[in-house]
Amino acid sequence: MNWSGRRLHMLGIGGAGMSALATVAYAWGADVSGCDRAASPYSDRLVRFGVPVSLEHDPAHLEPGMELVVSSAISAAEPELLAARDLALPRLHRAQLLAEMVASRRSVCVAGAHGKTTTSAMIAYAAQRLGLDPTYLIGGEVPQLGGNAGPGGGTPTKPVGTVVIAILIPAQPAFVRTFSFVGGRSMIKFQAAQAAMDMVRRTLHE
């Protein structure tokens, strides 16, 4: 996926979900910047990748041609968000950006009240072990994957290696596929890992 030419400025970039989006968008070629009120391990990693992160919200960050991506943690009264409206900059909720990414690839999405991060991590790890080079966006740190996001490989016209694994909250619309997967705490780890492997295989064969 090539997002070169897009300029994304992300409010709340230091969170697990927003930083995952920033990581993938940056790897796909977008010009990404962002800000948050405090540093986090996620924002520190983005800085190491080369993404500029400011530790304050300020309307001065905004420039013509930017798209503003907003996390759910940002108040509707945030001056930087209001300034983007006044400048007529496109404003996207993070779910909308995630929907774009998911719609561009063969995708596995995980939704539910709890267990989404664990289940998504297992699916992403299984896909890696199967040699699929998946794109993954997960709302938490996964040591076995080296982080919470990875850009994956392939192209929209060559689906091999382009599985997207995303964690979602309930009631977010417009995604390509939503799998309902029960993997509660009582499930034996081996069974959960096998279910994740089977889910990836089914997705590839359909």
N, C-alpha and C. Protein backbone atom coordinates (compact mmCIF):
# COMPACT_ATOMS: atom_id res chain seq x y z
N MET A 1 0.86 -1.20 0.00
CA MET A 1 0.00 0.00 0.00
C MET A 1 0.88 1.23 0.00
N ASN A 2 0.62 2.17 -0.90
CA ASN A 2 1.42 3.38 -1.00
C ASN A 2 0.57 4.59 -0.66
N TRP A 3 0.87 5.21 0.47
CA TRP A 3 0.13 6.39 0.88
C TRP A 3 0.97 7.66 0.70
N SER A 4 1.96 7.62 -0.15
CA SER A 4 2.78 8.80 -0.37
C SER A 4 1.89 9.93 -0.89
N GLY A 5 2.17 11.12 -0.43
CA GLY A 5 1.36 12.27 -0.80
C GLY A 5 0.33 12.64 0.26
N ARG A 6 0.06 11.73 1.19
CA ARG A 6 -0.86 12.05 2.28
C ARG A 6 -0.08 12.62 3.46
N ARG A 7 -0.64 13.63 4.09
CA ARG A 7 -0.05 14.23 5.28
C ARG A 7 -1.03 14.06 6.43
N LEU A 8 -0.66 13.23 7.37
CA LEU A 8 -1.53 12.91 8.50
C LEU A 8 -0.95 13.50 9.77
N HIS A 9 -1.74 14.30 10.46
CA HIS A 9 -1.35 14.81 11.77
C HIS A 9 -2.29 14.20 12.80
N MET A 10 -1.73 13.54 13.81
CA MET A 10 -2.52 12.70 14.69
C MET A 10 -2.54 13.26 16.11
N LEU A 11 -3.75 13.61 16.57
CA LEU A 11 -3.94 14.10 17.94
C LEU A 11 -4.12 12.92 18.88
N GLY A 12 -3.24 12.81 19.88
CA GLY A 12 -3.27 11.66 20.77
C GLY A 12 -2.43 10.51 20.24
N ILE A 13 -1.34 10.84 19.56
CA ILE A 13 -0.53 9.85 18.86
C ILE A 13 0.17 8.88 19.81
N GLY A 14 0.27 9.22 21.09
CA GLY A 14 1.01 8.38 22.03
C GLY A 14 0.25 7.19 22.56
N GLY A 15 -1.02 7.04 22.21
CA GLY A 15 -1.80 5.90 22.68
C GLY A 15 -1.52 4.65 21.87
N ALA A 16 -1.96 3.51 22.40
CA ALA A 16 -1.68 2.23 21.73
C ALA A 16 -2.32 2.17 20.35
N GLY A 17 -3.60 2.55 20.26
CA GLY A 17 -4.28 2.46 18.98
C GLY A 17 -3.80 3.47 17.97
N MET A 18 -3.63 4.73 18.38
CA MET A 18 -3.20 5.78 17.47
C MET A 18 -1.77 5.54 17.00
N SER A 19 -0.91 5.10 17.89
CA SER A 19 0.48 4.86 17.48
C SER A 19 0.57 3.71 16.48
N ALA A 20 -0.31 2.71 16.61
CA ALA A 20 -0.34 1.62 15.64
C ALA A 20 -0.72 2.15 14.26
N LEU A 21 -1.74 2.99 14.21
CA LEU A 21 -2.13 3.61 12.94
C LEU A 21 -1.00 4.45 12.36
N ALA A 22 -0.32 5.21 13.22
CA ALA A 22 0.78 6.05 12.76
C ALA A 22 1.91 5.20 12.20
N THR A 23 2.22 4.10 12.87
CA THR A 23 3.31 3.22 12.42
C THR A 23 3.03 2.68 11.03
N VAL A 24 1.83 2.17 10.81
CA VAL A 24 1.50 1.58 9.51
C VAL A 24 1.40 2.65 8.43
N ALA A 25 0.74 3.77 8.72
CA ALA A 25 0.63 4.84 7.73
C ALA A 25 2.00 5.35 7.31
N TYR A 26 2.89 5.52 8.27
CA TYR A 26 4.24 6.00 7.98
C TYR A 26 5.00 4.99 7.10
N ALA A 27 4.87 3.71 7.45
CA ALA A 27 5.54 2.68 6.66
C ALA A 27 4.95 2.57 5.26
N TRP A 28 3.69 2.90 5.10
CA TRP A 28 3.05 2.86 3.79
C TRP A 28 3.30 4.13 2.98
N GLY A 29 4.08 5.06 3.51
CA GLY A 29 4.52 6.20 2.72
C GLY A 29 3.93 7.54 3.07
N ALA A 30 3.01 7.60 4.04
CA ALA A 30 2.41 8.88 4.42
C ALA A 30 3.42 9.72 5.20
N ASP A 31 3.25 11.02 5.10
CA ASP A 31 4.00 11.97 5.93
C ASP A 31 3.20 12.11 7.23
N VAL A 32 3.74 11.56 8.32
CA VAL A 32 2.99 11.48 9.58
C VAL A 32 3.66 12.35 10.64
N SER A 33 2.85 13.08 11.37
CA SER A 33 3.30 13.81 12.56
C SER A 33 2.21 13.66 13.60
N GLY A 34 2.51 14.10 14.82
CA GLY A 34 1.48 13.98 15.84
C GLY A 34 1.86 14.68 17.12
N CYS A 35 0.93 14.68 18.04
CA CYS A 35 1.17 15.32 19.33
C CYS A 35 0.37 14.60 20.41
N ASP A 36 0.85 14.77 21.63
CA ASP A 36 0.15 14.23 22.79
C ASP A 36 0.59 15.04 24.00
N ARG A 37 -0.12 14.87 25.10
CA ARG A 37 0.19 15.68 26.28
C ARG A 37 1.38 15.16 27.06
N ALA A 38 1.77 13.91 26.85
CA ALA A 38 2.91 13.33 27.56
C ALA A 38 3.52 12.24 26.68
N ALA A 39 4.80 11.99 26.91
CA ALA A 39 5.48 10.93 26.17
C ALA A 39 5.01 9.56 26.66
N SER A 40 5.14 8.56 25.81
CA SER A 40 4.82 7.18 26.16
C SER A 40 5.81 6.29 25.43
N PRO A 41 5.90 5.03 25.82
CA PRO A 41 6.76 4.11 25.05
C PRO A 41 6.38 4.06 23.58
N TYR A 42 5.09 4.21 23.29
CA TYR A 42 4.65 4.20 21.89
C TYR A 42 5.14 5.42 21.14
N SER A 43 5.00 6.60 21.75
CA SER A 43 5.48 7.82 21.07
C SER A 43 7.00 7.82 20.95
N ASP A 44 7.68 7.30 21.97
CA ASP A 44 9.14 7.22 21.90
C ASP A 44 9.58 6.34 20.73
N ARG A 45 8.87 5.25 20.50
CA ARG A 45 9.21 4.37 19.38
C ARG A 45 8.99 5.09 18.05
N LEU A 46 7.89 5.83 17.94
CA LEU A 46 7.63 6.57 16.71
C LEU A 46 8.73 7.58 16.42
N VAL A 47 9.21 8.25 17.45
CA VAL A 47 10.31 9.21 17.27
C VAL A 47 11.55 8.48 16.74
N ARG A 48 11.83 7.29 17.27
CA ARG A 48 12.97 6.52 16.78
C ARG A 48 12.79 6.13 15.31
N PHE A 49 11.54 5.91 14.90
CA PHE A 49 11.26 5.59 13.51
C PHE A 49 11.45 6.80 12.59
N GLY A 50 11.39 8.01 13.17
CA GLY A 50 11.51 9.22 12.37
C GLY A 50 10.25 10.05 12.30
N VAL A 51 9.23 9.69 13.09
CA VAL A 51 7.97 10.45 13.11
C VAL A 51 8.09 11.58 14.13
N PRO A 52 7.90 12.84 13.72
CA PRO A 52 7.97 13.94 14.69
C PRO A 52 6.76 13.94 15.62
N VAL A 53 7.04 13.97 16.92
CA VAL A 53 5.99 13.97 17.94
C VAL A 53 6.21 15.14 18.87
N SER A 54 5.20 15.98 19.02
CA SER A 54 5.26 17.12 19.94
C SER A 54 4.51 16.78 21.22
N LEU A 55 5.06 17.22 22.35
CA LEU A 55 4.45 16.90 23.65
C LEU A 55 3.58 18.05 24.13
N GLU A 56 2.68 18.47 23.27
CA GLU A 56 1.68 19.46 23.59
C GLU A 56 0.71 19.53 22.42
N HIS A 57 -0.49 20.00 22.67
CA HIS A 57 -1.43 20.29 21.59
C HIS A 57 -1.35 21.78 21.29
N ASP A 58 -1.24 22.11 20.01
CA ASP A 58 -1.06 23.50 19.63
C ASP A 58 -1.57 23.69 18.20
N PRO A 59 -2.46 24.64 17.97
CA PRO A 59 -2.92 24.90 16.61
C PRO A 59 -1.79 25.22 15.64
N ALA A 60 -0.64 25.65 16.15
CA ALA A 60 0.49 25.96 15.28
C ALA A 60 1.04 24.73 14.57
N HIS A 61 0.68 23.54 15.03
CA HIS A 61 1.12 22.32 14.35
C HIS A 61 0.48 22.16 12.99
N LEU A 62 -0.65 22.78 12.76
CA LEU A 62 -1.45 22.54 11.57
C LEU A 62 -0.92 23.31 10.37
N GLU A 63 -0.98 22.64 9.22
CA GLU A 63 -0.54 23.24 7.97
C GLU A 63 -1.52 22.87 6.86
N PRO A 64 -1.60 23.69 5.82
CA PRO A 64 -2.47 23.34 4.69
C PRO A 64 -2.08 21.99 4.10
N GLY A 65 -3.08 21.24 3.69
CA GLY A 65 -2.82 19.94 3.08
C GLY A 65 -2.81 18.78 4.05
N MET A 66 -2.88 19.07 5.34
CA MET A 66 -2.91 18.00 6.32
C MET A 66 -4.31 17.41 6.47
N GLU A 67 -4.35 16.14 6.86
CA GLU A 67 -5.56 15.51 7.36
C GLU A 67 -5.36 15.31 8.86
N LEU A 68 -6.35 15.68 9.64
CA LEU A 68 -6.24 15.54 11.09
C LEU A 68 -6.91 14.24 11.52
N VAL A 69 -6.17 13.41 12.23
CA VAL A 69 -6.71 12.14 12.74
C VAL A 69 -6.84 12.29 14.25
N VAL A 70 -8.01 11.97 14.78
CA VAL A 70 -8.31 12.27 16.18
C VAL A 70 -8.65 10.99 16.93
N SER A 71 -8.10 10.85 18.11
CA SER A 71 -8.45 9.72 18.96
C SER A 71 -9.70 10.05 19.76
N SER A 72 -10.30 9.02 20.33
CA SER A 72 -11.50 9.22 21.14
C SER A 72 -11.20 9.99 22.42
N ALA A 73 -9.93 10.06 22.81
CA ALA A 73 -9.56 10.74 24.04
C ALA A 73 -9.52 12.26 23.88
N ILE A 74 -9.62 12.76 22.66
CA ILE A 74 -9.52 14.20 22.42
C ILE A 74 -10.87 14.87 22.60
N SER A 75 -10.89 15.91 23.42
CA SER A 75 -12.13 16.65 23.67
C SER A 75 -12.56 17.41 22.42
N ALA A 76 -13.88 17.52 22.23
CA ALA A 76 -14.41 18.29 21.11
C ALA A 76 -14.06 19.77 21.22
N ALA A 77 -13.67 20.20 22.43
CA ALA A 77 -13.30 21.61 22.64
C ALA A 77 -11.79 21.84 22.52
N GLU A 78 -11.04 20.83 22.13
CA GLU A 78 -9.59 20.98 22.01
C GLU A 78 -9.26 22.06 20.96
N PRO A 79 -8.47 23.10 21.33
CA PRO A 79 -8.20 24.19 20.40
C PRO A 79 -7.58 23.74 19.07
N GLU A 80 -6.72 22.72 19.10
CA GLU A 80 -6.12 22.26 17.86
C GLU A 80 -7.16 21.65 16.92
N LEU A 81 -8.12 20.94 17.49
CA LEU A 81 -9.20 20.36 16.70
C LEU A 81 -10.09 21.46 16.14
N LEU A 82 -10.41 22.47 16.95
CA LEU A 82 -11.23 23.58 16.48
C LEU A 82 -10.52 24.38 15.39
N ALA A 83 -9.21 24.51 15.53
CA ALA A 83 -8.44 25.23 14.50
C ALA A 83 -8.46 24.48 13.18
N ALA A 84 -8.41 23.15 13.24
CA ALA A 84 -8.49 22.36 12.01
C ALA A 84 -9.82 22.59 11.30
N ARG A 85 -10.89 22.70 12.09
CA ARG A 85 -12.20 22.99 11.50
C ARG A 85 -12.20 24.36 10.83
N ASP A 86 -11.62 25.34 11.51
CA ASP A 86 -11.59 26.69 10.96
C ASP A 86 -10.75 26.76 9.68
N LEU A 87 -9.72 25.91 9.59
CA LEU A 87 -8.85 25.87 8.40
C LEU A 87 -9.40 24.95 7.32
N ALA A 88 -10.56 24.35 7.58
CA ALA A 88 -11.21 23.44 6.63
C ALA A 88 -10.34 22.24 6.29
N LEU A 89 -9.56 21.77 7.28
CA LEU A 89 -8.76 20.57 7.08
C LEU A 89 -9.64 19.34 7.26
N PRO A 90 -9.43 18.32 6.47
CA PRO A 90 -10.19 17.08 6.68
C PRO A 90 -9.92 16.52 8.07
N ARG A 91 -10.98 16.09 8.76
CA ARG A 91 -10.84 15.53 10.10
C ARG A 91 -11.39 14.11 10.11
N LEU A 92 -10.56 13.18 10.55
CA LEU A 92 -10.92 11.77 10.58
C LEU A 92 -10.85 11.25 12.01
N HIS A 93 -11.86 10.49 12.42
CA HIS A 93 -11.70 9.72 13.65
C HIS A 93 -10.76 8.56 13.35
N ARG A 94 -10.06 8.09 14.36
CA ARG A 94 -9.10 7.00 14.13
C ARG A 94 -9.77 5.77 13.53
N ALA A 95 -11.05 5.54 13.86
CA ALA A 95 -11.77 4.39 13.30
C ALA A 95 -11.91 4.52 11.79
N GLN A 96 -12.04 5.74 11.29
CA GLN A 96 -12.15 5.93 9.85
C GLN A 96 -10.84 5.60 9.14
N LEU A 97 -9.73 5.98 9.75
CA LEU A 97 -8.44 5.65 9.15
C LEU A 97 -8.21 4.14 9.19
N LEU A 98 -8.58 3.51 10.29
CA LEU A 98 -8.46 2.06 10.38
C LEU A 98 -9.32 1.39 9.32
N ALA A 99 -10.52 1.90 9.09
CA ALA A 99 -11.40 1.33 8.08
C ALA A 99 -10.77 1.40 6.70
N GLU A 100 -10.09 2.50 6.40
CA GLU A 100 -9.38 2.62 5.11
C GLU A 100 -8.33 1.52 4.97
N MET A 101 -7.56 1.31 6.02
CA MET A 101 -6.50 0.31 5.96
C MET A 101 -7.08 -1.09 5.78
N VAL A 102 -8.12 -1.38 6.56
CA VAL A 102 -8.73 -2.71 6.50
C VAL A 102 -9.37 -2.94 5.12
N ALA A 103 -10.01 -1.92 4.55
CA ALA A 103 -10.69 -2.06 3.27
C ALA A 103 -9.70 -2.29 2.12
N SER A 104 -8.44 -1.96 2.32
CA SER A 104 -7.46 -2.08 1.24
C SER A 104 -6.87 -3.47 1.11
N ARG A 105 -7.14 -4.36 2.08
CA ARG A 105 -6.51 -5.68 2.09
C ARG A 105 -7.51 -6.75 2.50
N ARG A 106 -7.16 -7.99 2.23
CA ARG A 106 -7.88 -9.11 2.82
C ARG A 106 -7.66 -9.04 4.33
N SER A 107 -8.74 -9.08 5.09
CA SER A 107 -8.61 -8.66 6.48
C SER A 107 -9.29 -9.61 7.47
N VAL A 108 -8.72 -9.66 8.64
CA VAL A 108 -9.31 -10.34 9.78
C VAL A 108 -9.49 -9.29 10.86
N CYS A 109 -10.71 -9.08 11.32
CA CYS A 109 -10.98 -8.08 12.35
C CYS A 109 -11.55 -8.77 13.58
N VAL A 110 -11.19 -8.26 14.74
CA VAL A 110 -11.60 -8.86 16.01
C VAL A 110 -12.39 -7.81 16.79
N ALA A 111 -13.59 -8.15 17.19
CA ALA A 111 -14.44 -7.22 17.94
C ALA A 111 -14.95 -7.92 19.20
N GLY A 112 -15.42 -7.13 20.14
CA GLY A 112 -15.98 -7.72 21.35
C GLY A 112 -15.79 -6.82 22.54
N ALA A 113 -16.25 -7.28 23.69
CA ALA A 113 -16.16 -6.50 24.92
C ALA A 113 -14.79 -6.62 25.57
N HIS A 114 -14.19 -7.80 25.50
CA HIS A 114 -12.87 -7.98 26.08
C HIS A 114 -12.18 -9.14 25.35
N GLY A 115 -10.86 -9.21 25.47
CA GLY A 115 -10.10 -10.26 24.81
C GLY A 115 -9.65 -9.93 23.41
N LYS A 116 -9.96 -8.72 22.92
CA LYS A 116 -9.62 -8.37 21.54
C LYS A 116 -8.11 -8.31 21.32
N THR A 117 -7.39 -7.69 22.25
CA THR A 117 -5.94 -7.55 22.08
C THR A 117 -5.26 -8.91 22.08
N THR A 118 -5.62 -9.75 23.03
CA THR A 118 -5.01 -11.08 23.11
C THR A 118 -5.30 -11.89 21.86
N THR A 119 -6.57 -11.88 21.43
CA THR A 119 -6.95 -12.66 20.26
C THR A 119 -6.27 -12.14 19.00
N SER A 120 -6.24 -10.80 18.84
CA SER A 120 -5.57 -10.22 17.68
C SER A 120 -4.09 -10.57 17.66
N ALA A 121 -3.46 -10.52 18.83
CA ALA A 121 -2.04 -10.85 18.91
C ALA A 121 -1.78 -12.29 18.49
N MET A 122 -2.66 -13.22 18.92
CA MET A 122 -2.49 -14.62 18.56
C MET A 122 -2.64 -14.82 17.05
N ILE A 123 -3.62 -14.12 16.46
CA ILE A 123 -3.83 -14.26 15.01
C ILE A 123 -2.63 -13.69 14.25
N ALA A 124 -2.15 -12.52 14.66
CA ALA A 124 -1.00 -11.92 13.99
C ALA A 124 0.23 -12.81 14.10
N TYR A 125 0.44 -13.36 15.29
CA TYR A 125 1.60 -14.24 15.49
C TYR A 125 1.46 -15.50 14.63
N ALA A 126 0.25 -16.07 14.57
CA ALA A 126 0.03 -17.25 13.74
C ALA A 126 0.29 -16.93 12.27
N ALA A 127 -0.18 -15.75 11.83
CA ALA A 127 0.04 -15.37 10.43
C ALA A 127 1.52 -15.21 10.13
N GLN A 128 2.26 -14.63 11.07
CA GLN A 128 3.70 -14.51 10.88
C GLN A 128 4.35 -15.88 10.78
N ARG A 129 3.97 -16.78 11.67
CA ARG A 129 4.57 -18.12 11.68
C ARG A 129 4.22 -18.89 10.40
N LEU A 130 3.09 -18.54 9.78
CA LEU A 130 2.71 -19.16 8.51
C LEU A 130 3.40 -18.50 7.31
N GLY A 131 4.23 -17.47 7.59
CA GLY A 131 4.98 -16.81 6.52
C GLY A 131 4.17 -15.83 5.70
N LEU A 132 3.10 -15.26 6.28
CA LEU A 132 2.21 -14.39 5.51
C LEU A 132 2.63 -12.93 5.51
N ASP A 133 3.58 -12.55 6.36
CA ASP A 133 4.02 -11.16 6.46
C ASP A 133 2.82 -10.22 6.61
N PRO A 134 2.02 -10.39 7.67
CA PRO A 134 0.77 -9.62 7.78
C PRO A 134 1.00 -8.19 8.23
N THR A 135 0.11 -7.33 7.79
CA THR A 135 -0.07 -6.05 8.45
C THR A 135 -0.86 -6.31 9.72
N TYR A 136 -0.47 -5.68 10.83
CA TYR A 136 -1.27 -5.86 12.04
C TYR A 136 -1.28 -4.58 12.84
N LEU A 137 -2.44 -4.31 13.43
CA LEU A 137 -2.66 -3.16 14.30
C LEU A 137 -3.34 -3.68 15.55
N ILE A 138 -2.67 -3.58 16.68
CA ILE A 138 -3.14 -4.18 17.91
C ILE A 138 -3.08 -3.14 19.03
N GLY A 139 -4.07 -3.12 19.87
CA GLY A 139 -4.17 -2.08 20.89
C GLY A 139 -3.38 -2.38 22.14
N GLY A 140 -2.21 -2.92 22.00
CA GLY A 140 -1.35 -3.20 23.15
C GLY A 140 -0.01 -3.72 22.68
N GLU A 141 0.96 -3.70 23.57
CA GLU A 141 2.31 -4.16 23.25
C GLU A 141 2.34 -5.68 23.22
N VAL A 142 2.93 -6.23 22.16
CA VAL A 142 3.03 -7.69 22.00
C VAL A 142 4.51 -8.04 21.83
N PRO A 143 5.18 -8.50 22.89
CA PRO A 143 6.62 -8.77 22.80
C PRO A 143 6.97 -9.75 21.68
N GLN A 144 6.13 -10.74 21.45
CA GLN A 144 6.43 -11.74 20.43
C GLN A 144 6.42 -11.15 19.02
N LEU A 145 5.74 -10.01 18.85
CA LEU A 145 5.68 -9.34 17.55
C LEU A 145 6.61 -8.14 17.48
N GLY A 146 7.20 -7.78 18.61
CA GLY A 146 8.10 -6.63 18.62
C GLY A 146 7.40 -5.29 18.69
N GLY A 147 6.14 -5.27 19.10
CA GLY A 147 5.43 -4.00 19.20
C GLY A 147 3.94 -4.19 19.04
N ASN A 148 3.26 -3.11 18.67
CA ASN A 148 1.80 -3.14 18.53
C ASN A 148 1.34 -3.01 17.08
N ALA A 149 2.29 -2.89 16.13
CA ALA A 149 1.90 -2.71 14.74
C ALA A 149 3.04 -3.13 13.82
N GLY A 150 2.65 -3.56 12.63
CA GLY A 150 3.63 -3.89 11.61
C GLY A 150 3.02 -3.66 10.24
N PRO A 151 3.78 -3.13 9.27
CA PRO A 151 3.20 -2.72 7.99
C PRO A 151 2.90 -3.86 7.04
N GLY A 152 3.52 -5.02 7.20
CA GLY A 152 3.26 -6.13 6.30
C GLY A 152 3.83 -5.91 4.92
N GLY A 153 3.51 -6.84 4.02
CA GLY A 153 4.03 -6.77 2.66
C GLY A 153 2.93 -6.95 1.64
N GLY A 154 3.32 -7.09 0.37
CA GLY A 154 2.37 -7.31 -0.70
C GLY A 154 1.71 -6.03 -1.17
N THR A 155 0.72 -6.19 -2.04
CA THR A 155 -0.02 -5.08 -2.63
C THR A 155 -1.50 -5.44 -2.67
N PRO A 156 -2.38 -4.44 -2.88
CA PRO A 156 -3.81 -4.76 -2.95
C PRO A 156 -4.15 -5.75 -4.05
N THR A 157 -3.36 -5.79 -5.14
CA THR A 157 -3.65 -6.70 -6.24
C THR A 157 -2.97 -8.05 -6.07
N LYS A 158 -2.12 -8.17 -5.07
CA LYS A 158 -1.45 -9.44 -4.78
C LYS A 158 -1.72 -9.77 -3.33
N PRO A 159 -2.82 -10.50 -3.06
CA PRO A 159 -3.26 -10.65 -1.68
C PRO A 159 -2.37 -11.51 -0.80
N VAL A 160 -1.53 -12.34 -1.38
CA VAL A 160 -0.66 -13.17 -0.54
C VAL A 160 0.23 -12.27 0.30
N GLY A 161 0.20 -12.49 1.59
CA GLY A 161 1.04 -11.69 2.47
C GLY A 161 0.43 -10.37 2.86
N THR A 162 -0.87 -10.17 2.58
CA THR A 162 -1.45 -8.86 2.88
C THR A 162 -2.61 -8.94 3.86
N VAL A 163 -2.62 -9.97 4.67
CA VAL A 163 -3.68 -10.06 5.68
C VAL A 163 -3.54 -8.94 6.70
N VAL A 164 -4.60 -8.24 6.96
CA VAL A 164 -4.63 -7.21 7.99
C VAL A 164 -5.33 -7.76 9.22
N ILE A 165 -4.67 -7.68 10.36
CA ILE A 165 -5.30 -8.06 11.62
C ILE A 165 -5.52 -6.78 12.41
N ALA A 166 -6.76 -6.50 12.78
CA ALA A 166 -7.06 -5.25 13.48
C ALA A 166 -7.93 -5.54 14.68
N ILE A 167 -7.71 -4.79 15.76
CA ILE A 167 -8.59 -4.91 16.90
C ILE A 167 -9.60 -3.77 16.84
N LEU A 168 -10.86 -4.10 17.06
CA LEU A 168 -11.94 -3.13 16.95
C LEU A 168 -12.74 -3.10 18.24
N ILE A 169 -13.44 -2.01 18.46
CA ILE A 169 -14.42 -1.99 19.53
C ILE A 169 -15.78 -2.25 18.90
N PRO A 170 -16.78 -2.67 19.67
CA PRO A 170 -18.10 -2.92 19.09
C PRO A 170 -18.68 -1.66 18.46
N ALA A 171 -19.53 -1.85 17.46
CA ALA A 171 -20.33 -0.78 16.86
C ALA A 171 -19.52 0.18 16.01
N GLN A 172 -18.35 -0.24 15.52
CA GLN A 172 -17.65 0.58 14.54
C GLN A 172 -17.94 0.01 13.16
N PRO A 173 -18.54 0.80 12.25
CA PRO A 173 -19.03 0.28 10.98
C PRO A 173 -17.97 0.29 9.88
N ALA A 174 -18.37 -0.20 8.72
CA ALA A 174 -17.65 -0.04 7.46
C ALA A 174 -16.34 -0.79 7.40
N PHE A 175 -16.28 -1.96 7.99
CA PHE A 175 -15.08 -2.78 7.86
C PHE A 175 -15.36 -3.94 6.91
N VAL A 176 -14.33 -4.46 6.29
CA VAL A 176 -14.50 -5.50 5.29
C VAL A 176 -15.07 -6.77 5.86
N ARG A 177 -14.47 -7.30 6.92
CA ARG A 177 -14.93 -8.52 7.55
C ARG A 177 -14.91 -8.33 9.07
N THR A 178 -15.85 -8.89 9.76
CA THR A 178 -15.79 -8.92 11.22
C THR A 178 -16.03 -10.36 11.66
N PHE A 179 -15.06 -10.92 12.33
CA PHE A 179 -15.17 -12.28 12.81
C PHE A 179 -15.54 -12.24 14.29
N SER A 180 -16.52 -13.00 14.68
CA SER A 180 -16.87 -13.14 16.08
C SER A 180 -16.15 -14.37 16.61
N PHE A 181 -15.23 -14.17 17.51
CA PHE A 181 -14.35 -15.24 17.96
C PHE A 181 -14.34 -15.28 19.48
N VAL A 182 -14.76 -16.39 20.05
CA VAL A 182 -14.81 -16.52 21.51
C VAL A 182 -13.52 -17.16 21.98
N GLY A 183 -12.76 -16.46 22.79
CA GLY A 183 -11.51 -17.01 23.32
C GLY A 183 -11.30 -16.52 24.74
N GLY A 184 -12.23 -16.83 25.63
CA GLY A 184 -12.18 -16.30 26.99
C GLY A 184 -11.01 -16.85 27.78
N ARG A 185 -10.88 -16.35 28.98
CA ARG A 185 -9.72 -16.70 29.80
C ARG A 185 -9.65 -18.19 30.11
N SER A 186 -10.80 -18.86 30.09
CA SER A 186 -10.81 -20.27 30.43
C SER A 186 -10.31 -21.15 29.29
N MET A 187 -10.18 -20.59 28.09
CA MET A 187 -9.75 -21.40 26.95
C MET A 187 -8.29 -21.79 27.10
N ILE A 188 -7.99 -23.04 26.86
CA ILE A 188 -6.61 -23.51 26.93
C ILE A 188 -5.80 -22.82 25.84
N LYS A 189 -4.58 -22.41 26.18
CA LYS A 189 -3.77 -21.62 25.25
C LYS A 189 -3.58 -22.34 23.92
N PHE A 190 -3.35 -23.64 23.96
CA PHE A 190 -3.13 -24.37 22.72
C PHE A 190 -4.36 -24.29 21.83
N GLN A 191 -5.55 -24.42 22.44
CA GLN A 191 -6.78 -24.36 21.65
C GLN A 191 -6.95 -22.98 21.02
N ALA A 192 -6.63 -21.93 21.77
CA ALA A 192 -6.76 -20.58 21.24
C ALA A 192 -5.80 -20.36 20.08
N ALA A 193 -4.56 -20.81 20.23
CA ALA A 193 -3.58 -20.65 19.15
C ALA A 193 -4.01 -21.43 17.92
N GLN A 194 -4.54 -22.64 18.10
CA GLN A 194 -5.00 -23.45 16.97
C GLN A 194 -6.18 -22.77 16.27
N ALA A 195 -7.10 -22.22 17.06
CA ALA A 195 -8.23 -21.51 16.47
C ALA A 195 -7.76 -20.32 15.65
N ALA A 196 -6.74 -19.60 16.15
CA ALA A 196 -6.20 -18.46 15.41
C ALA A 196 -5.60 -18.91 14.09
N MET A 197 -4.83 -20.00 14.11
CA MET A 197 -4.23 -20.53 12.89
C MET A 197 -5.32 -20.93 11.90
N ASP A 198 -6.36 -21.61 12.38
CA ASP A 198 -7.43 -22.05 11.50
C ASP A 198 -8.16 -20.86 10.88
N MET A 199 -8.35 -19.78 11.67
CA MET A 199 -9.02 -18.60 11.16
C MET A 199 -8.24 -17.97 10.02
N VAL A 200 -6.93 -17.87 10.16
CA VAL A 200 -6.10 -17.30 9.11
C VAL A 200 -6.17 -18.17 7.85
N ARG A 201 -6.08 -19.48 8.02
CA ARG A 201 -6.14 -20.38 6.86
C ARG A 201 -7.49 -20.25 6.13
N ARG A 202 -8.61 -20.19 6.89
CA ARG A 202 -9.92 -20.05 6.25
C ARG A 202 -10.01 -18.76 5.46
N THR A 203 -9.47 -17.68 6.02
CA THR A 203 -9.53 -16.38 5.35
C THR A 203 -8.79 -16.43 4.03
N LEU A 204 -7.63 -17.09 4.00
CA LEU A 204 -6.84 -17.15 2.78
C LEU A 204 -7.48 -18.02 1.72
N HIS A 205 -8.25 -19.03 2.12
CA HIS A 205 -8.78 -19.98 1.16
C HIS A 205 -10.14 -19.56 0.62
N GLU A 206 -10.76 -18.55 1.22
CA GLU A 206 -12.08 -18.10 0.75
C GLU A 206 -11.94 -17.14 -0.41
